[in-house]
């Protein structure tokens, strides 16, 4: 519960103290159990759904195109390779985008108290023109 005597006006004093959101179920310490439980919560992981769907679409497309000119085993290898490559690139791009947005938000949060203090000082130094 916030301290009513605090002058922080509801702002976070140190944004680095905010814990990151939990992705998926809580860890039990058992690698097999955690991996199995996490597989059911893959949709909760940021970027996972879009990355996997992009990889599937790319893999199916390349597999189909290659399947018209070579035997199915080679086409399958191309499809799996394309799936892995497209999913990885899509994942990295999405994660970097999220990190950039978080950095911009963190910078805005850190600069807000300074802006409020400067505004307050400016308002106090300006003489009032009310009569």
Protein backbone atom coordinates (compact mmCIF):
# COMPACT_ATOMS: atom_id res chain seq x y z
CA UNK A 1 0.00 0.00 0.00
CA UNK A 2 1.48 3.38 -0.94
CA UNK A 3 2.50 5.81 1.75
CA UNK A 4 -0.04 8.71 1.87
CA UNK A 5 2.74 11.08 3.00
CA UNK A 6 4.83 10.26 -0.05
CA UNK A 7 5.32 12.99 -2.64
CA UNK A 8 5.90 10.62 -5.57
CA UNK A 9 2.31 11.15 -6.80
CA UNK A 10 1.95 7.51 -7.82
CA UNK A 11 5.00 7.48 -10.10
CA UNK A 12 7.57 4.73 -9.93
CA UNK A 13 10.77 6.09 -8.38
CA UNK A 14 13.02 3.44 -9.88
CA UNK A 15 11.66 1.64 -12.97
CA UNK A 16 14.38 -1.01 -12.68
CA UNK A 17 12.69 -2.33 -9.50
CA UNK A 18 9.62 -3.41 -11.49
CA UNK A 19 9.77 -7.19 -11.99
CA UNK A 20 9.34 -8.47 -15.55
CA UNK A 21 6.03 -10.13 -16.37
CA UNK A 22 5.98 -13.88 -15.86
CA UNK A 23 5.83 -15.79 -19.14
CA UNK A 24 3.98 -19.04 -18.80
CA UNK A 25 3.64 -21.25 -15.74
CA UNK A 26 5.86 -20.97 -12.67
CA UNK A 27 9.06 -23.02 -12.66
CA UNK A 28 9.14 -26.25 -10.65
CA UNK A 29 12.88 -26.86 -11.05
CA UNK A 30 12.38 -30.03 -13.09
CA UNK A 31 13.48 -29.47 -16.71
CA UNK A 32 11.19 -32.15 -18.18
CA UNK A 33 8.11 -30.99 -16.30
CA UNK A 34 8.79 -27.31 -16.99
CA UNK A 35 9.33 -27.95 -20.70
CA UNK A 36 6.16 -30.03 -20.96
CA UNK A 37 4.06 -27.42 -19.10
CA UNK A 38 5.56 -24.56 -21.12
CA UNK A 39 4.56 -26.24 -24.39
CA UNK A 40 0.91 -25.80 -23.43
CA UNK A 41 1.46 -22.08 -22.76
CA UNK A 42 3.42 -21.22 -25.92
CA UNK A 43 0.77 -18.69 -26.92
CA UNK A 44 1.54 -16.61 -23.82
CA UNK A 45 5.17 -16.10 -24.84
CA UNK A 46 5.58 -12.80 -26.69
CA UNK A 47 6.30 -13.22 -30.41
CA UNK A 48 6.03 -17.03 -30.32
CA UNK A 49 2.73 -17.39 -32.12
CA UNK A 50 3.53 -14.99 -34.97
CA UNK A 51 7.04 -16.37 -35.40
CA UNK A 52 5.86 -19.97 -35.57
CA UNK A 53 3.03 -19.15 -37.96
CA UNK A 54 5.40 -17.25 -40.25
CA UNK A 55 7.81 -20.18 -40.18
CA UNK A 56 5.05 -22.66 -40.98
CA UNK A 57 3.80 -20.57 -43.89
CA UNK A 58 7.32 -20.14 -45.27
CA UNK A 59 8.16 -23.81 -44.83
CA UNK A 60 4.98 -25.00 -46.54
CA UNK A 61 5.49 -22.58 -49.42
CA UNK A 62 9.12 -23.49 -50.08
CA UNK A 63 8.42 -27.19 -49.51
CA UNK A 64 5.63 -27.10 -52.06
CA UNK A 65 7.71 -25.21 -54.63
CA UNK A 66 10.72 -27.49 -54.17
CA UNK A 67 8.45 -30.54 -54.21
CA UNK A 68 7.50 -29.81 -57.81
CA UNK A 69 11.08 -30.20 -59.04
CA UNK A 70 12.78 -32.69 -56.66
CA UNK A 71 11.84 -35.77 -54.65
CA UNK A 72 9.78 -35.37 -51.42
CA UNK A 73 12.68 -36.05 -49.03
CA UNK A 74 14.72 -33.14 -50.38
CA UNK A 75 11.62 -30.93 -50.48
CA UNK A 76 10.94 -31.83 -46.84
CA UNK A 77 14.48 -30.86 -45.89
CA UNK A 78 14.01 -27.51 -47.60
CA UNK A 79 10.66 -27.03 -45.85
CA UNK A 80 12.10 -27.76 -42.40
CA UNK A 81 15.13 -25.55 -43.01
CA UNK A 82 12.94 -22.71 -44.22
CA UNK A 83 10.63 -23.11 -41.21
CA UNK A 84 13.59 -22.88 -38.82
CA UNK A 85 15.17 -19.93 -40.61
CA UNK A 86 11.99 -17.88 -41.01
CA UNK A 87 10.84 -18.59 -37.43
CA UNK A 88 14.22 -17.59 -35.99
CA UNK A 89 14.48 -14.38 -38.00
CA UNK A 90 10.88 -13.46 -37.20
CA UNK A 91 11.45 -14.17 -33.48
CA UNK A 92 14.62 -12.05 -33.32
CA UNK A 93 12.97 -9.16 -35.17
CA UNK A 94 9.93 -9.20 -32.89
CA UNK A 95 11.98 -9.43 -29.67
CA UNK A 96 14.20 -6.53 -30.76
CA UNK A 97 11.11 -4.46 -31.53
CA UNK A 98 9.69 -5.16 -28.06
CA UNK A 99 13.03 -4.35 -26.39
CA UNK A 100 13.21 -1.05 -28.28
CA UNK A 101 9.66 -0.14 -27.19
CA UNK A 102 10.50 -1.04 -23.58
CA UNK A 103 13.64 1.12 -23.71
CA UNK A 104 11.64 4.08 -25.03
CA UNK A 105 9.04 3.58 -22.28
CA UNK A 106 11.76 3.24 -19.62
CA UNK A 107 13.39 6.46 -20.83
CA UNK A 108 10.05 8.29 -20.74
CA UNK A 109 9.33 7.05 -17.21
CA UNK A 110 12.78 8.09 -16.00
CA UNK A 111 12.51 11.57 -17.52
CA UNK A 112 8.96 12.24 -16.29
CA UNK A 113 9.85 13.23 -12.68
CA UNK A 114 12.51 15.60 -14.02
CA UNK A 115 10.01 17.20 -16.41
CA UNK A 116 7.44 17.56 -13.64
CA UNK A 117 10.04 19.15 -11.33
CA UNK A 118 11.11 21.62 -14.05
CA UNK A 119 7.48 22.50 -14.77
CA UNK A 120 6.78 23.03 -11.08
CA UNK A 121 9.86 25.28 -10.73
CA UNK A 122 8.82 27.26 -13.80
CA UNK A 123 5.29 27.73 -12.43
CA UNK A 124 6.64 28.86 -9.06
CA UNK A 125 9.07 31.36 -10.59
CA UNK A 126 6.45 32.91 -12.89
CA UNK A 127 4.58 35.74 -11.13
CA UNK A 128 0.82 35.36 -11.24
CA UNK A 129 -1.08 37.96 -13.25
CA UNK A 130 -4.42 37.39 -11.54
CA UNK A 131 -6.09 40.39 -9.94
